[in-house]
Amino acid sequence: MAHSNQEIPRDQWASYLVGISQQEPSPWVHMESIDTDSGDQPLAGRLPLREISLETKGSDSGAVQIIVGREGAEITHRILHPERISAELDEASGALECLEIGEKGGKTLIFFESPAGAST
């Protein structure tokens, strides 16, 4: 399966992330953090995406917030100072397969799977 990578321009981050959050049905994801000091760390495995957004106001302006899980059992991961966002897409279908959010000293990877392939 061929892939293509697409860097998301900073001025489009907010709208791009909102578009991902509004997909129906919600995609299932698993997340990993890769840090130059501590290596790969799993953050969440195979859970429905509830929201991914860019904070645009207040002291957390510029932070990316990712919420996964079922209602009442959510996991929230925040990236306070993101430096870049890139998307890995399936070339044939254009489907988002992985979102990479880079920050100083590491990155967060969000892997997407088809909701049809997920069990509830």
Protein backbone atom coordinates (compact mmCIF):
# COMPACT_ATOMS: atom_id res chain seq x y z
CA MET A 1 0.00 0.00 0.00
CA ALA A 2 1.52 3.35 -1.05
CA HIS A 3 1.54 6.33 1.28
CA SER A 4 2.06 10.04 0.90
CA ASN A 5 3.02 12.56 3.55
CA GLN A 6 1.48 15.99 3.75
CA GLU A 7 2.72 18.78 6.03
CA ILE A 8 -0.21 20.82 7.34
CA PRO A 9 0.50 24.58 7.24
CA ARG A 10 0.28 26.16 10.72
CA ASP A 11 -2.50 28.54 9.67
CA GLN A 12 -4.65 25.49 8.75
CA TRP A 13 -4.10 23.44 11.93
CA ALA A 14 -7.34 24.44 13.68
CA SER A 15 -9.61 23.72 10.70
CA TYR A 16 -7.76 20.51 9.78
CA LEU A 17 -8.10 19.10 13.31
CA VAL A 18 -11.79 20.08 13.50
CA GLY A 19 -12.34 18.19 10.23
CA ILE A 20 -10.83 15.04 11.74
CA SER A 21 -13.03 15.39 14.85
CA GLN A 22 -16.19 15.73 12.77
CA GLN A 23 -15.77 12.46 10.86
CA GLU A 24 -18.77 10.14 11.10
CA PRO A 25 -18.52 7.55 12.39
CA SER A 26 -15.66 8.55 14.68
CA PRO A 27 -12.39 6.90 13.74
CA TRP A 28 -10.65 4.50 16.10
CA VAL A 29 -7.08 5.38 17.01
CA HIS A 30 -4.10 4.36 19.01
CA MET A 31 -1.50 6.87 20.17
CA GLU A 32 2.21 6.74 20.91
CA SER A 33 4.63 9.31 22.23
CA ILE A 34 8.20 9.19 20.97
CA ASP A 35 10.63 11.13 23.13
CA THR A 36 14.37 11.45 22.55
CA ASP A 37 14.99 10.79 26.26
CA SER A 38 12.50 8.03 27.12
CA GLY A 39 11.85 6.38 23.73
CA ASP A 40 8.46 5.05 22.57
CA GLN A 41 5.60 5.23 25.08
CA PRO A 42 2.08 3.95 24.32
CA LEU A 43 -0.56 6.52 25.31
CA ALA A 44 -3.81 4.86 24.27
CA GLY A 45 -4.67 1.74 22.35
CA ARG A 46 -7.56 1.19 19.96
CA LEU A 47 -10.10 3.68 21.25
CA PRO A 48 -12.63 5.91 19.49
CA LEU A 49 -11.49 9.47 18.82
CA ARG A 50 -13.74 11.91 20.65
CA GLU A 51 -12.00 15.17 19.79
CA ILE A 52 -8.77 16.63 18.49
CA SER A 53 -8.45 20.40 18.58
CA LEU A 54 -6.13 23.37 18.66
CA GLU A 55 -6.56 25.77 21.58
CA THR A 56 -6.83 29.24 20.09
CA LYS A 57 -7.37 31.39 23.19
CA GLY A 58 -5.95 31.94 26.63
CA SER A 59 -2.70 30.81 28.20
CA ASP A 60 -2.90 27.42 26.41
CA SER A 61 -3.17 29.02 22.98
CA GLY A 62 -1.39 26.87 20.41
CA ALA A 63 -1.71 23.61 22.37
CA VAL A 64 -3.19 20.53 20.68
CA GLN A 65 -5.64 18.47 22.77
CA ILE A 66 -6.57 14.90 21.88
CA ILE A 67 -9.43 13.11 23.66
CA VAL A 68 -10.04 9.40 23.07
CA GLY A 69 -12.19 6.74 24.72
CA ARG A 70 -15.77 6.11 25.61
CA GLU A 71 -18.01 8.58 27.41
CA GLY A 72 -17.06 8.69 31.09
CA ALA A 73 -13.74 6.92 30.45
CA GLU A 74 -11.85 9.42 28.31
CA ILE A 75 -8.11 9.82 28.04
CA THR A 76 -6.81 13.32 27.29
CA HIS A 77 -3.36 14.02 25.89
CA ARG A 78 -2.09 17.58 25.45
CA ILE A 79 0.80 18.78 23.34
CA LEU A 80 1.62 22.18 24.76
CA HIS A 81 4.09 23.47 22.17
CA PRO A 82 3.56 21.70 18.83
CA GLU A 83 6.02 22.68 16.12
CA ARG A 84 4.61 20.80 13.13
CA ILE A 85 1.72 18.58 12.09
CA SER A 86 1.93 16.16 9.21
CA ALA A 87 -0.47 13.59 7.86
CA GLU A 88 0.31 10.22 6.31
CA LEU A 89 -2.35 9.36 3.75
CA ASP A 90 -3.16 6.23 1.79
CA GLU A 91 -2.36 7.25 -1.78
CA ALA A 92 -5.18 5.23 -3.33
CA SER A 93 -8.05 6.31 -1.08
CA GLY A 94 -6.73 9.52 0.48
CA ALA A 95 -7.63 8.12 3.92
CA LEU A 96 -5.74 9.48 6.91
CA GLU A 97 -3.59 6.70 8.36
CA CYS A 98 -1.34 8.57 10.79
CA LEU A 99 -1.10 12.08 12.19
CA GLU A 100 2.30 13.14 13.49
CA ILE A 101 2.47 16.10 15.85
CA GLY A 102 6.06 17.15 16.40
CA GLU A 103 7.36 19.09 19.34
CA LYS A 104 10.80 19.88 20.71
CA GLY A 105 12.42 16.61 21.78
CA GLY A 106 9.81 14.26 20.35
CA LYS A 107 6.49 13.67 18.67
CA THR A 108 3.06 12.15 19.17
CA LEU A 109 1.77 9.67 16.61
CA ILE A 110 -1.95 9.05 16.18
CA PHE A 111 -2.71 5.97 14.07
CA PHE A 112 -6.18 5.78 12.53
CA GLU A 113 -8.15 2.68 11.62
CA SER A 114 -11.44 2.24 9.90
CA PRO A 115 -14.38 2.15 12.35
CA ALA A 116 -15.67 -0.85 10.38
CA GLY A 117 -12.56 -2.75 11.46
CA ALA A 118 -12.99 -1.91 15.13
CA SER A 119 -15.03 -3.94 17.56
CA THR A 120 -17.10 -2.27 20.26
